């Protein structure tokens, strides 16, 4: 891809254009790539979370994963799953259920990125 650099020529007192150097092209592309990296949301609505889990084929496994937890963690997870309106990425429920559903940290991040768009 080619880029045009606009600059001010102080001797001629005029704006000019030139093709970008390979180094400038590399810097422009690196900045574009960095800007395109999705940000993992800190929270999503429960509706978004459930739709993302459904799309990932994991929604049906949530109840079984919660049921397999020891008391009182199981009851706390059930309350949070049934009555929360928001799912926060750093909550113990997410940290516990992710691995129980076979999700890595990066897969959990991707699930949140997917969910926020729903």
PDB file of N, CA and C in Angstrom:
ATOM      1  N   UNK A   1       0.850  -1.169   0.000  1.00  0.00           N
ATOM      2  CA  UNK A   1       0.000   0.000   0.000  1.00  0.00           C
ATOM      3  C   UNK A   1       0.897   1.234   0.000  1.00  0.00           C
ATOM      4  N   UNK A   2       0.454   2.243  -0.678  1.00  0.00           N
ATOM      5  CA  UNK A   2       1.228   3.486  -0.708  1.00  0.00           C
ATOM      6  C   UNK A   2       0.494   4.552   0.096  1.00  0.00           C
ATOM      7  N   UNK A   3       1.277   5.410   0.701  1.00  0.00           N
ATOM      8  CA  UNK A   3       0.738   6.514   1.483  1.00  0.00           C
ATOM      9  C   UNK A   3       1.384   7.799   0.995  1.00  0.00           C
ATOM     10  N   UNK A   4       0.623   8.873   1.081  1.00  0.00           N
ATOM     11  CA  UNK A   4       1.120  10.188   0.718  1.00  0.00           C
ATOM     12  C   UNK A   4       1.297  11.000   1.986  1.00  0.00           C
ATOM     13  N   UNK A   5       2.449  11.611   2.122  1.00  0.00           N
ATOM     14  CA  UNK A   5       2.755  12.451   3.270  1.00  0.00           C
ATOM     15  C   UNK A   5       2.594  13.906   2.843  1.00  0.00           C
ATOM     16  N   UNK A   6       1.798  14.642   3.580  1.00  0.00           N
ATOM     17  CA  UNK A   6       1.642  16.078   3.351  1.00  0.00           C
ATOM     18  C   UNK A   6       2.536  16.804   4.341  1.00  0.00           C
ATOM     19  N   UNK A   7       3.221  17.804   3.865  1.00  0.00           N
ATOM     20  CA  UNK A   7       4.120  18.567   4.733  1.00  0.00           C
ATOM     21  C   UNK A   7       4.170  20.009   4.262  1.00  0.00           C
ATOM     22  N   UNK A   8       4.676  20.872   5.154  1.00  0.00           N
ATOM     23  CA  UNK A   8       4.805  22.293   4.853  1.00  0.00           C
ATOM     24  C   UNK A   8       6.243  22.585   4.463  1.00  0.00           C
ATOM     25  N   UNK A   9       6.413  23.118   3.291  1.00  0.00           N
ATOM     26  CA  UNK A   9       7.738  23.539   2.830  1.00  0.00           C
ATOM     27  C   UNK A   9       7.893  25.002   3.217  1.00  0.00           C
ATOM     28  N   UNK A  10       8.694  25.250   4.255  1.00  0.00           N
ATOM     29  CA  UNK A  10       8.821  26.618   4.775  1.00  0.00           C
ATOM     30  C   UNK A  10       9.578  27.546   3.825  1.00  0.00           C
ATOM     31  N   UNK A  11      10.446  26.965   2.981  1.00  0.00           N
ATOM     32  CA  UNK A  11      11.169  27.823   2.037  1.00  0.00           C
ATOM     33  C   UNK A  11      10.233  28.317   0.944  1.00  0.00           C
ATOM     34  N   UNK A  12       9.401  27.428   0.444  1.00  0.00           N
ATOM     35  CA  UNK A  12       8.469  27.814  -0.624  1.00  0.00           C
ATOM     36  C   UNK A  12       7.140  28.303  -0.059  1.00  0.00           C
ATOM     37  N   UNK A  13       6.983  28.204   1.252  1.00  0.00           N
ATOM     38  CA  UNK A  13       5.747  28.609   1.925  1.00  0.00           C
ATOM     39  C   UNK A  13       4.522  27.994   1.253  1.00  0.00           C
ATOM     40  N   UNK A  14       4.606  26.657   1.132  1.00  0.00           N
ATOM     41  CA  UNK A  14       3.515  25.939   0.477  1.00  0.00           C
ATOM     42  C   UNK A  14       3.416  24.518   1.042  1.00  0.00           C
ATOM     43  N   UNK A  15       2.210  23.996   0.999  1.00  0.00           N
ATOM     44  CA  UNK A  15       2.009  22.602   1.392  1.00  0.00           C
ATOM     45  C   UNK A  15       2.401  21.719   0.219  1.00  0.00           C
ATOM     46  N   UNK A  16       3.130  20.638   0.516  1.00  0.00           N
ATOM     47  CA  UNK A  16       3.576  19.726  -0.531  1.00  0.00           C
ATOM     48  C   UNK A  16       3.220  18.301  -0.148  1.00  0.00           C
ATOM     49  N   UNK A  17       3.362  17.426  -1.111  1.00  0.00           N
ATOM     50  CA  UNK A  17       3.094  16.006  -0.892  1.00  0.00           C
ATOM     51  C   UNK A  17       4.261  15.190  -1.421  1.00  0.00           C
ATOM     52  N   UNK A  18       4.472  14.041  -0.789  1.00  0.00           N
ATOM     53  CA  UNK A  18       5.486  13.103  -1.261  1.00  0.00           C
ATOM     54  C   UNK A  18       5.042  11.707  -0.858  1.00  0.00           C
ATOM     55  N   UNK A  19       5.609  10.700  -1.511  1.00  0.00           N
ATOM     56  CA  UNK A  19       5.314   9.322  -1.127  1.00  0.00           C
ATOM     57  C   UNK A  19       6.001   9.012   0.197  1.00  0.00           C
ATOM     58  N   UNK A  20       5.348   8.211   1.018  1.00  0.00           N
ATOM     59  CA  UNK A  20       5.931   7.813   2.299  1.00  0.00           C
ATOM     60  C   UNK A  20       7.113   6.891   2.069  1.00  0.00           C
ATOM     61  N   UNK A  21       8.095   7.005   2.947  1.00  0.00           N
ATOM     62  CA  UNK A  21       9.250   6.113   2.887  1.00  0.00           C
ATOM     63  C   UNK A  21       8.834   4.742   3.427  1.00  0.00           C
ATOM     64  N   UNK A  22       9.605   3.688   3.156  1.00  0.00           N
ATOM     65  CA  UNK A  22       9.270   2.365   3.713  1.00  0.00           C
ATOM     66  C   UNK A  22       9.162   2.387   5.243  1.00  0.00           C
ATOM     67  N   UNK A  23       9.999   3.170   5.902  1.00  0.00           N
ATOM     68  CA  UNK A  23       9.944   3.258   7.357  1.00  0.00           C
ATOM     69  C   UNK A  23       8.636   3.910   7.814  1.00  0.00           C
ATOM     70  N   UNK A  24       8.216   4.950   7.104  1.00  0.00           N
ATOM     71  CA  UNK A  24       6.960   5.617   7.452  1.00  0.00           C
ATOM     72  C   UNK A  24       5.771   4.701   7.200  1.00  0.00           C
ATOM     73  N   UNK A  25       5.825   3.945   6.116  1.00  0.00           N
ATOM     74  CA  UNK A  25       4.752   2.987   5.829  1.00  0.00           C
ATOM     75  C   UNK A  25       4.666   1.955   6.949  1.00  0.00           C
ATOM     76  N   UNK A  26       5.826   1.442   7.394  1.00  0.00           N
ATOM     77  CA  UNK A  26       5.844   0.453   8.473  1.00  0.00           C
ATOM     78  C   UNK A  26       5.241   1.034   9.752  1.00  0.00           C
ATOM     79  N   UNK A  27       5.571   2.280  10.064  1.00  0.00           N
ATOM     80  CA  UNK A  27       5.030   2.919  11.262  1.00  0.00           C
ATOM     81  C   UNK A  27       3.521   3.114  11.148  1.00  0.00           C
ATOM     82  N   UNK A  28       3.054   3.531   9.984  1.00  0.00           N
ATOM     83  CA  UNK A  28       1.617   3.727   9.765  1.00  0.00           C
ATOM     84  C   UNK A  28       0.880   2.398   9.922  1.00  0.00           C
ATOM     85  N   UNK A  29       1.419   1.347   9.311  1.00  0.00           N
ATOM     86  CA  UNK A  29       0.777   0.028   9.400  1.00  0.00           C
ATOM     87  C   UNK A  29       0.771  -0.485  10.832  1.00  0.00           C
ATOM     88  N   UNK A  30       1.852  -0.270  11.576  1.00  0.00           N
ATOM     89  CA  UNK A  30       1.912  -0.712  12.971  1.00  0.00           C
ATOM     90  C   UNK A  30       0.868   0.015  13.815  1.00  0.00           C
ATOM     91  N   UNK A  31       0.712   1.312  13.582  1.00  0.00           N
ATOM     92  CA  UNK A  31      -0.294   2.080  14.327  1.00  0.00           C
ATOM     93  C   UNK A  31      -1.709   1.620  13.984  1.00  0.00           C
ATOM     94  N   UNK A  32      -1.949   1.318  12.715  1.00  0.00           N
ATOM     95  CA  UNK A  32      -3.261   0.823  12.310  1.00  0.00           C
ATOM     96  C   UNK A  32      -3.549  -0.521  12.961  1.00  0.00           C
ATOM     97  N   UNK A  33      -2.552  -1.407  12.997  1.00  0.00           N
ATOM     98  CA  UNK A  33      -2.731  -2.730  13.602  1.00  0.00           C
ATOM     99  C   UNK A  33      -3.001  -2.602  15.101  1.00  0.00           C
ATOM    100  N   UNK A  34      -2.291  -1.714  15.772  1.00  0.00           N
ATOM    101  CA  UNK A  34      -2.480  -1.517  17.210  1.00  0.00           C
ATOM    102  C   UNK A  34      -3.876  -0.972  17.500  1.00  0.00           C
ATOM    103  N   UNK A  35      -4.361  -0.117  16.645  1.00  0.00           N
ATOM    104  CA  UNK A  35      -5.691   0.457  16.833  1.00  0.00           C
ATOM    105  C   UNK A  35      -6.781  -0.565  16.573  1.00  0.00           C
ATOM    106  N   UNK A  36      -6.482  -1.598  15.794  1.00  0.00           N
ATOM    107  CA  UNK A  36      -7.481  -2.601  15.440  1.00  0.00           C
ATOM    108  C   UNK A  36      -7.610  -3.704  16.484  1.00  0.00           C
ATOM    109  N   UNK A  37      -6.721  -3.735  17.479  1.00  0.00           N
ATOM    110  CA  UNK A  37      -6.790  -4.764  18.507  1.00  0.00           C
ATOM    111  C   UNK A  37      -8.033  -4.522  19.353  1.00  0.00           C
ATOM    112  N   UNK A  38      -8.919  -5.504  19.444  1.00  0.00           N
ATOM    113  CA  UNK A  38     -10.144  -5.296  20.214  1.00  0.00           C
ATOM    114  C   UNK A  38      -9.856  -5.193  21.709  1.00  0.00           C
ATOM    115  N   UNK A  39     -10.613  -4.363  22.362  1.00  0.00           N
ATOM    116  CA  UNK A  39     -10.487  -4.187  23.801  1.00  0.00           C
ATOM    117  C   UNK A  39     -11.470  -5.134  24.480  1.00  0.00           C
ATOM    118  N   UNK A  40     -10.991  -5.859  25.475  1.00  0.00           N
ATOM    119  CA  UNK A  40     -11.862  -6.776  26.212  1.00  0.00           C
ATOM    120  C   UNK A  40     -12.721  -5.939  27.159  1.00  0.00           C
ATOM    121  N   UNK A  41     -14.047  -6.026  27.010  1.00  0.00           N
ATOM    122  CA  UNK A  41     -14.906  -5.243  27.899  1.00  0.00           C
ATOM    123  C   UNK A  41     -14.836  -5.761  29.334  1.00  0.00           C
ATOM    124  N   UNK A  42     -14.957  -4.875  30.285  1.00  0.00           N
ATOM    125  CA  UNK A  42     -14.937  -5.276  31.698  1.00  0.00           C
ATOM    126  C   UNK A  42     -16.228  -5.960  32.093  1.00  0.00           C
ATOM    127  N   UNK A  43     -17.318  -5.634  31.394  1.00  0.00           N
ATOM    128  CA  UNK A  43     -18.605  -6.254  31.714  1.00  0.00           C
ATOM    129  C   UNK A  43     -19.493  -6.289  30.480  1.00  0.00           C
ATOM    130  N   UNK A  44     -20.432  -7.203  30.515  1.00  0.00           N
ATOM    131  CA  UNK A  44     -21.464  -7.318  29.480  1.00  0.00           C
ATOM    132  C   UNK A  44     -22.777  -7.603  30.205  1.00  0.00           C
ATOM    133  N   UNK A  45     -23.878  -7.393  29.518  1.00  0.00           N
ATOM    134  CA  UNK A  45     -25.155  -7.731  30.143  1.00  0.00           C
ATOM    135  C   UNK A  45     -25.292  -9.254  30.191  1.00  0.00           C
ATOM    136  N   UNK A  46     -26.155  -9.717  31.073  1.00  0.00           N
ATOM    137  CA  UNK A  46     -26.380 -11.161  31.166  1.00  0.00           C
ATOM    138  C   UNK A  46     -26.951 -11.686  29.846  1.00  0.00           C
ATOM    139  N   UNK A  47     -27.787 -10.885  29.194  1.00  0.00           N
ATOM    140  CA  UNK A  47     -28.328 -11.294  27.891  1.00  0.00           C
ATOM    141  C   UNK A  47     -27.195 -11.499  26.899  1.00  0.00           C
ATOM    142  N   UNK A  48     -26.276 -10.549  26.826  1.00  0.00           N
ATOM    143  CA  UNK A  48     -25.136 -10.671  25.914  1.00  0.00           C
ATOM    144  C   UNK A  48     -24.288 -11.890  26.258  1.00  0.00           C
ATOM    145  N   UNK A  49     -24.050 -12.101  27.547  1.00  0.00           N
ATOM    146  CA  UNK A  49     -23.240 -13.247  27.976  1.00  0.00           C
ATOM    147  C   UNK A  49     -23.891 -14.560  27.575  1.00  0.00           C
ATOM    148  N   UNK A  50     -25.180 -14.676  27.803  1.00  0.00           N
ATOM    149  CA  UNK A  50     -25.879 -15.926  27.466  1.00  0.00           C
ATOM    150  C   UNK A  50     -25.918 -16.150  25.955  1.00  0.00           C
ATOM    151  N   UNK A  51     -26.128 -15.091  25.187  1.00  0.00           N
ATOM    152  CA  UNK A  51     -26.117 -15.243  23.727  1.00  0.00           C
ATOM    153  C   UNK A  51     -24.728 -15.643  23.215  1.00  0.00           C
ATOM    154  N   UNK A  52     -23.682 -15.068  23.795  1.00  0.00           N
ATOM    155  CA  UNK A  52     -22.318 -15.429  23.395  1.00  0.00           C
ATOM    156  C   UNK A  52     -22.011 -16.878  23.766  1.00  0.00           C
ATOM    157  N   UNK A  53     -22.427 -17.295  24.956  1.00  0.00           N
ATOM    158  CA  UNK A  53     -22.240 -18.695  25.362  1.00  0.00           C
ATOM    159  C   UNK A  53     -23.025 -19.636  24.452  1.00  0.00           C
ATOM    160  N   UNK A  54     -24.229 -19.244  24.077  1.00  0.00           N
ATOM    161  CA  UNK A  54     -25.029 -20.045  23.154  1.00  0.00           C
ATOM    162  C   UNK A  54     -24.319 -20.195  21.817  1.00  0.00           C
ATOM    163  N   UNK A  55     -23.820 -19.087  21.296  1.00  0.00           N
ATOM    164  CA  UNK A  55     -23.113 -19.121  20.009  1.00  0.00           C
ATOM    165  C   UNK A  55     -21.855 -19.973  20.082  1.00  0.00           C
ATOM    166  N   UNK A  56     -21.217 -20.015  21.264  1.00  0.00           N
ATOM    167  CA  UNK A  56     -19.998 -20.806  21.439  1.00  0.00           C
ATOM    168  C   UNK A  56     -20.295 -22.266  21.771  1.00  0.00           C
ATOM    169  N   UNK A  57     -21.585 -22.591  21.908  1.00  0.00           N
ATOM    170  CA  UNK A  57     -21.962 -23.966  22.237  1.00  0.00           C
ATOM    171  C   UNK A  57     -21.699 -24.324  23.689  1.00  0.00           C
ATOM    172  N   UNK A  58     -21.640 -23.331  24.566  1.00  0.00           N
ATOM    173  CA  UNK A  58     -21.304 -23.570  25.980  1.00  0.00           C
ATOM    174  C   UNK A  58     -22.461 -23.291  26.937  1.00  0.00           C
ATOM    175  N   UNK A  59     -23.544 -22.706  26.471  1.00  0.00           N
ATOM    176  CA  UNK A  59     -24.627 -22.319  27.372  1.00  0.00           C
ATOM    177  C   UNK A  59     -25.215 -23.522  28.112  1.00  0.00           C
ATOM    178  N   UNK A  60     -25.407 -24.620  27.420  1.00  0.00           N
ATOM    179  CA  UNK A  60     -25.989 -25.813  28.042  1.00  0.00           C
ATOM    180  C   UNK A  60     -25.133 -26.416  29.138  1.00  0.00           C
ATOM    181  N   UNK A  61     -23.846 -26.130  29.138  1.00  0.00           N
ATOM    182  CA  UNK A  61     -22.934 -26.705  30.131  1.00  0.00           C
ATOM    183  C   UNK A  61     -22.819 -25.863  31.400  1.00  0.00           C
ATOM    184  N   UNK A  62     -23.391 -24.661  31.401  1.00  0.00           N
ATOM    185  CA  UNK A  62     -23.234 -23.769  32.551  1.00  0.00           C
ATOM    186  C   UNK A  62     -23.891 -24.345  33.795  1.00  0.00           C
ATOM    187  N   UNK A  63     -25.130 -24.805  33.688  1.00  0.00           N
ATOM    188  CA  UNK A  63     -25.824 -25.329  34.871  1.00  0.00           C
ATOM    189  C   UNK A  63     -25.088 -26.519  35.471  1.00  0.00           C
ATOM    190  N   UNK A  64     -24.586 -27.414  34.623  1.00  0.00           N
ATOM    191  CA  UNK A  64     -23.833 -28.567  35.118  1.00  0.00           C
ATOM    192  C   UNK A  64     -22.537 -28.131  35.788  1.00  0.00           C
ATOM    193  N   UNK A  65     -21.871 -27.113  35.229  1.00  0.00           N
ATOM    194  CA  UNK A  65     -20.633 -26.617  35.825  1.00  0.00           C
ATOM    195  C   UNK A  65     -20.910 -26.004  37.196  1.00  0.00           C
ATOM    196  N   UNK A  66     -22.006 -25.272  37.315  1.00  0.00           N
ATOM    197  CA  UNK A  66     -22.375 -24.679  38.606  1.00  0.00           C
ATOM    198  C   UNK A  66     -22.736 -25.784  39.601  1.00  0.00           C
ATOM    199  N   UNK A  67     -23.502 -26.771  39.146  1.00  0.00           N
ATOM    200  CA  UNK A  67     -23.923 -27.871  40.026  1.00  0.00           C
ATOM    201  C   UNK A  67     -22.738 -28.677  40.551  1.00  0.00           C
ATOM    202  N   UNK A  68     -21.640 -28.688  39.814  1.00  0.00           N
ATOM    203  CA  UNK A  68     -20.477 -29.463  40.235  1.00  0.00           C
ATOM    204  C   UNK A  68     -19.621 -28.753  41.289  1.00  0.00           C
ATOM    205  N   UNK A  69     -19.922 -27.487  41.569  1.00  0.00           N
ATOM    206  CA  UNK A  69     -19.146 -26.725  42.553  1.00  0.00           C
ATOM    207  C   UNK A  69     -19.502 -27.167  43.969  1.00  0.00           C
ATOM    208  N   UNK A  70     -18.565 -27.068  44.902  1.00  0.00           N
ATOM    209  CA  UNK A  70     -18.869 -27.394  46.300  1.00  0.00           C
ATOM    210  C   UNK A  70     -19.685 -26.268  46.950  1.00  0.00           C
ATOM    211  N   UNK A  71     -20.400 -26.624  48.005  1.00  0.00           N
ATOM    212  CA  UNK A  71     -21.134 -25.618  48.788  1.00  0.00           C
ATOM    213  C   UNK A  71     -20.132 -24.828  49.612  1.00  0.00           C
ATOM    214  N   UNK A  72     -20.327 -23.599  49.877  1.00  0.00           N
ATOM    215  CA  UNK A  72     -21.390 -22.668  49.475  1.00  0.00           C
ATOM    216  C   UNK A  72     -21.099 -21.976  48.147  1.00  0.00           C
ATOM    217  N   UNK A  73     -19.979 -22.318  47.502  1.00  0.00           N
ATOM    218  CA  UNK A  73     -19.627 -21.706  46.212  1.00  0.00           C
ATOM    219  C   UNK A  73     -20.712 -21.982  45.176  1.00  0.00           C
ATOM    220  N   UNK A  74     -21.281 -23.201  45.213  1.00  0.00           N
ATOM    221  CA  UNK A  74     -22.326 -23.573  44.252  1.00  0.00           C
ATOM    222  C   UNK A  74     -23.543 -22.662  44.389  1.00  0.00           C
ATOM    223  N   UNK A  75     -24.005 -22.458  45.612  1.00  0.00           N
ATOM    224  CA  UNK A  75     -25.194 -21.636  45.825  1.00  0.00           C
ATOM    225  C   UNK A  75     -24.931 -20.169  45.450  1.00  0.00           C
ATOM    226  N   UNK A  76     -23.749 -19.674  45.780  1.00  0.00           N
ATOM    227  CA  UNK A  76     -23.404 -18.297  45.408  1.00  0.00           C
ATOM    228  C   UNK A  76     -23.367 -18.147  43.885  1.00  0.00           C
ATOM    229  N   UNK A  77     -22.813 -19.154  43.199  1.00  0.00           N
ATOM    230  CA  UNK A  77     -22.754 -19.110  41.731  1.00  0.00           C
ATOM    231  C   UNK A  77     -24.149 -19.176  41.131  1.00  0.00           C
ATOM    232  N   UNK A  78     -25.026 -20.008  41.713  1.00  0.00           N
ATOM    233  CA  UNK A  78     -26.405 -20.100  41.208  1.00  0.00           C
ATOM    234  C   UNK A  78     -27.121 -18.753  41.341  1.00  0.00           C
ATOM    235  N   UNK A  79     -26.950 -18.115  42.488  1.00  0.00           N
ATOM    236  CA  UNK A  79     -27.595 -16.813  42.702  1.00  0.00           C
ATOM    237  C   UNK A  79     -27.077 -15.798  41.692  1.00  0.00           C
ATOM    238  N   UNK A  80     -25.774 -15.765  41.536  1.00  0.00           N
ATOM    239  CA  UNK A  80     -25.188 -14.800  40.597  1.00  0.00           C
ATOM    240  C   UNK A  80     -25.642 -15.085  39.166  1.00  0.00           C
ATOM    241  N   UNK A  81     -25.640 -16.340  38.750  1.00  0.00           N
ATOM    242  CA  UNK A  81     -26.038 -16.723  37.391  1.00  0.00           C
ATOM    243  C   UNK A  81     -27.506 -16.410  37.129  1.00  0.00           C
ATOM    244  N   UNK A  82     -28.363 -16.651  38.120  1.00  0.00           N
ATOM    245  CA  UNK A  82     -29.801 -16.471  37.923  1.00  0.00           C
ATOM    246  C   UNK A  82     -30.263 -15.029  38.079  1.00  0.00           C
ATOM    247  N   UNK A  83     -29.581 -14.237  38.936  1.00  0.00           N
ATOM    248  CA  UNK A  83     -30.130 -12.934  39.277  1.00  0.00           C
ATOM    249  C   UNK A  83     -29.275 -11.723  38.889  1.00  0.00           C
ATOM    250  N   UNK A  84     -28.070 -11.939  38.415  1.00  0.00           N
ATOM    251  CA  UNK A  84     -27.244 -10.805  37.985  1.00  0.00           C
ATOM    252  C   UNK A  84     -27.754 -10.255  36.663  1.00  0.00           C
ATOM    253  N   UNK A  85     -27.678  -8.946  36.524  1.00  0.00           N
ATOM    254  CA  UNK A  85     -28.046  -8.341  35.245  1.00  0.00           C
ATOM    255  C   UNK A  85     -26.802  -8.062  34.407  1.00  0.00           C
ATOM    256  N   UNK A  86     -25.627  -8.104  35.064  1.00  0.00           N
ATOM    257  CA  UNK A  86     -24.364  -7.823  34.406  1.00  0.00           C
ATOM    258  C   UNK A  86     -23.373  -8.929  34.761  1.00  0.00           C
ATOM    259  N   UNK A  87     -22.528  -9.291  33.789  1.00  0.00           N
ATOM    260  CA  UNK A  87     -21.458 -10.253  34.029  1.00  0.00           C
ATOM    261  C   UNK A  87     -20.146  -9.486  33.911  1.00  0.00           C
ATOM    262  N   UNK A  88     -19.369  -9.483  34.998  1.00  0.00           N
ATOM    263  CA  UNK A  88     -18.101  -8.769  35.021  1.00  0.00           C
ATOM    264  C   UNK A  88     -16.958  -9.754  34.795  1.00  0.00           C
ATOM    265  N   UNK A  89     -16.021  -9.352  33.931  1.00  0.00           N
ATOM    266  CA  UNK A  89     -14.928 -10.234  33.509  1.00  0.00           C
ATOM    267  C   UNK A  89     -14.078 -10.719  34.677  1.00  0.00           C
ATOM    268  N   UNK A  90     -13.910  -9.900  35.703  1.00  0.00           N
ATOM    269  CA  UNK A  90     -13.007 -10.270  36.796  1.00  0.00           C
ATOM    270  C   UNK A  90     -13.712 -10.867  38.017  1.00  0.00           C
ATOM    271  N   UNK A  91     -14.987 -11.175  37.887  1.00  0.00           N
ATOM    272  CA  UNK A  91     -15.732 -11.760  39.008  1.00  0.00           C
ATOM    273  C   UNK A  91     -15.330 -13.225  39.218  1.00  0.00           C
ATOM    274  N   UNK A  92     -15.394 -13.702  40.478  1.00  0.00           N
ATOM    275  CA  UNK A  92     -15.073 -15.104  40.748  1.00  0.00           C
ATOM    276  C   UNK A  92     -15.913 -16.089  39.933  1.00  0.00           C
ATOM    277  N   UNK A  93     -17.166 -15.754  39.671  1.00  0.00           N
ATOM    278  CA  UNK A  93     -18.011 -16.657  38.873  1.00  0.00           C
ATOM    279  C   UNK A  93     -17.394 -16.914  37.506  1.00  0.00           C
ATOM    280  N   UNK A  94     -16.936 -15.867  36.843  1.00  0.00           N
ATOM    281  CA  UNK A  94     -16.325 -16.010  35.514  1.00  0.00           C
ATOM    282  C   UNK A  94     -15.008 -16.767  35.624  1.00  0.00           C
ATOM    283  N   UNK A  95     -14.216 -16.450  36.645  1.00  0.00           N
ATOM    284  CA  UNK A  95     -12.926 -17.124  36.828  1.00  0.00           C
ATOM    285  C   UNK A  95     -13.105 -18.613  37.109  1.00  0.00           C
ATOM    286  N   UNK A  96     -14.203 -18.975  37.751  1.00  0.00           N
ATOM    287  CA  UNK A  96     -14.476 -20.377  38.070  1.00  0.00           C
ATOM    288  C   UNK A  96     -15.104 -21.112  36.894  1.00  0.00           C
ATOM    289  N   UNK A  97     -16.099 -20.483  36.267  1.00  0.00           N
ATOM    290  CA  UNK A  97     -16.828 -21.162  35.189  1.00  0.00           C
ATOM    291  C   UNK A  97     -16.020 -21.290  33.906  1.00  0.00           C
ATOM    292  N   UNK A  98     -15.148 -20.329  33.633  1.00  0.00           N
ATOM    293  CA  UNK A  98     -14.348 -20.405  32.404  1.00  0.00           C
ATOM    294  C   UNK A  98     -13.639 -21.735  32.259  1.00  0.00           C
ATOM    295  N   UNK A  99     -12.759 -22.095  33.192  1.00  0.00           N
ATOM    296  CA  UNK A  99     -12.067 -23.384  33.089  1.00  0.00           C
ATOM    297  C   UNK A  99     -13.031 -24.581  33.138  1.00  0.00           C
ATOM    298  N   UNK A 100     -14.103 -24.459  33.933  1.00  0.00           N
ATOM    299  CA  UNK A 100     -15.071 -25.561  34.007  1.00  0.00           C
ATOM    300  C   UNK A 100     -15.756 -25.801  32.664  1.00  0.00           C
ATOM    301  N   UNK A 101     -15.832 -24.746  31.857  1.00  0.00           N
ATOM    302  CA  UNK A 101     -16.432 -24.861  30.521  1.00  0.00           C
ATOM    303  C   UNK A 101     -15.375 -25.150  29.451  1.00  0.00           C
ATOM    304  N   UNK A 102     -14.133 -25.322  29.883  1.00  0.00           N
ATOM    305  CA  UNK A 102     -13.049 -25.612  28.942  1.00  0.00           C
ATOM    306  C   UNK A 102     -12.543 -24.393  28.203  1.00  0.00           C
ATOM    307  N   UNK A 103     -12.717 -23.218  28.806  1.00  0.00           N
ATOM    308  CA  UNK A 103     -12.301 -21.974  28.161  1.00  0.00           C
ATOM    309  C   UNK A 103     -11.012 -21.452  28.781  1.00  0.00           C
ATOM    310  N   UNK A 104     -10.042 -21.111  27.947  1.00  0.00           N
ATOM    311  CA  UNK A 104      -8.803 -20.486  28.401  1.00  0.00           C
ATOM    312  C   UNK A 104      -9.062 -19.008  28.679  1.00  0.00           C
ATOM    313  N   UNK A 105      -8.080 -18.327  29.253  1.00  0.00           N
ATOM    314  CA  UNK A 105      -8.214 -16.891  29.504  1.00  0.00           C
ATOM    315  C   UNK A 105      -8.450 -16.124  28.200  1.00  0.00           C
ATOM    316  N   UNK A 106      -7.719 -16.475  27.143  1.00  0.00           N
ATOM    317  CA  UNK A 106      -7.896 -15.768  25.869  1.00  0.00           C
ATOM    318  C   UNK A 106      -9.259 -16.095  25.244  1.00  0.00           C
ATOM    319  N   UNK A 107      -9.753 -17.307  25.440  1.00  0.00           N
ATOM    320  CA  UNK A 107     -11.087 -17.652  24.930  1.00  0.00           C
ATOM    321  C   UNK A 107     -12.173 -16.912  25.716  1.00  0.00           C
ATOM    322  N   UNK A 108     -11.966 -16.748  27.024  1.00  0.00           N
ATOM    323  CA  UNK A 108     -12.903 -15.941  27.815  1.00  0.00           C
ATOM    324  C   UNK A 108     -12.908 -14.493  27.336  1.00  0.00           C
ATOM    325  N   UNK A 109     -11.718 -13.956  27.081  1.00  0.00           N
ATOM    326  CA  UNK A 109     -11.630 -12.593  26.550  1.00  0.00           C
ATOM    327  C   UNK A 109     -12.396 -12.484  25.239  1.00  0.00           C
ATOM    328  N   UNK A 110     -12.213 -13.454  24.353  1.00  0.00           N
ATOM    329  CA  UNK A 110     -12.896 -13.427  23.062  1.00  0.00           C
ATOM    330  C   UNK A 110     -14.411 -13.540  23.238  1.00  0.00           C
ATOM    331  N   UNK A 111     -14.835 -14.327  24.221  1.00  0.00           N
ATOM    332  CA  UNK A 111     -16.266 -14.461  24.502  1.00  0.00           C
ATOM    333  C   UNK A 111     -16.842 -13.103  24.912  1.00  0.00           C
ATOM    334  N   UNK A 112     -16.125 -12.354  25.746  1.00  0.00           N
ATOM    335  CA  UNK A 112     -16.577 -11.026  26.144  1.00  0.00           C
ATOM    336  C   UNK A 112     -16.582 -10.060  24.962  1.00  0.00           C
ATOM    337  N   UNK A 113     -15.573 -10.146  24.112  1.00  0.00           N
ATOM    338  CA  UNK A 113     -15.528  -9.297  22.918  1.00  0.00           C
ATOM    339  C   UNK A 113     -16.704  -9.596  22.008  1.00  0.00           C
ATOM    340  N   UNK A 114     -17.011 -10.877  21.845  1.00  0.00           N
ATOM    341  CA  UNK A 114     -18.167 -11.276  21.042  1.00  0.00           C
ATOM    342  C   UNK A 114     -19.456 -10.782  21.684  1.00  0.00           C
ATOM    343  N   UNK A 115     -19.568 -10.980  23.002  1.00  0.00           N
ATOM    344  CA  UNK A 115     -20.799 -10.641  23.707  1.00  0.00           C
ATOM    345  C   UNK A 115     -21.145  -9.155  23.616  1.00  0.00           C
ATOM    346  N   UNK A 116     -20.139  -8.304  23.737  1.00  0.00           N
ATOM    347  CA  UNK A 116     -20.417  -6.866  23.753  1.00  0.00           C
ATOM    348  C   UNK A 116     -21.009  -6.389  22.426  1.00  0.00           C
ATOM    349  N   UNK A 117     -20.803  -7.139  21.368  1.00  0.00           N
ATOM    350  CA  UNK A 117     -21.335  -6.757  20.048  1.00  0.00           C
ATOM    351  C   UNK A 117     -22.763  -7.269  19.827  1.00  0.00           C
ATOM    352  N   UNK A 118     -23.272  -8.051  20.752  1.00  0.00           N
ATOM    353  CA  UNK A 118     -24.607  -8.650  20.567  1.00  0.00           C
ATOM    354  C   UNK A 118     -25.711  -7.764  21.126  1.00  0.00           C
TER     355      UNK A 118
END
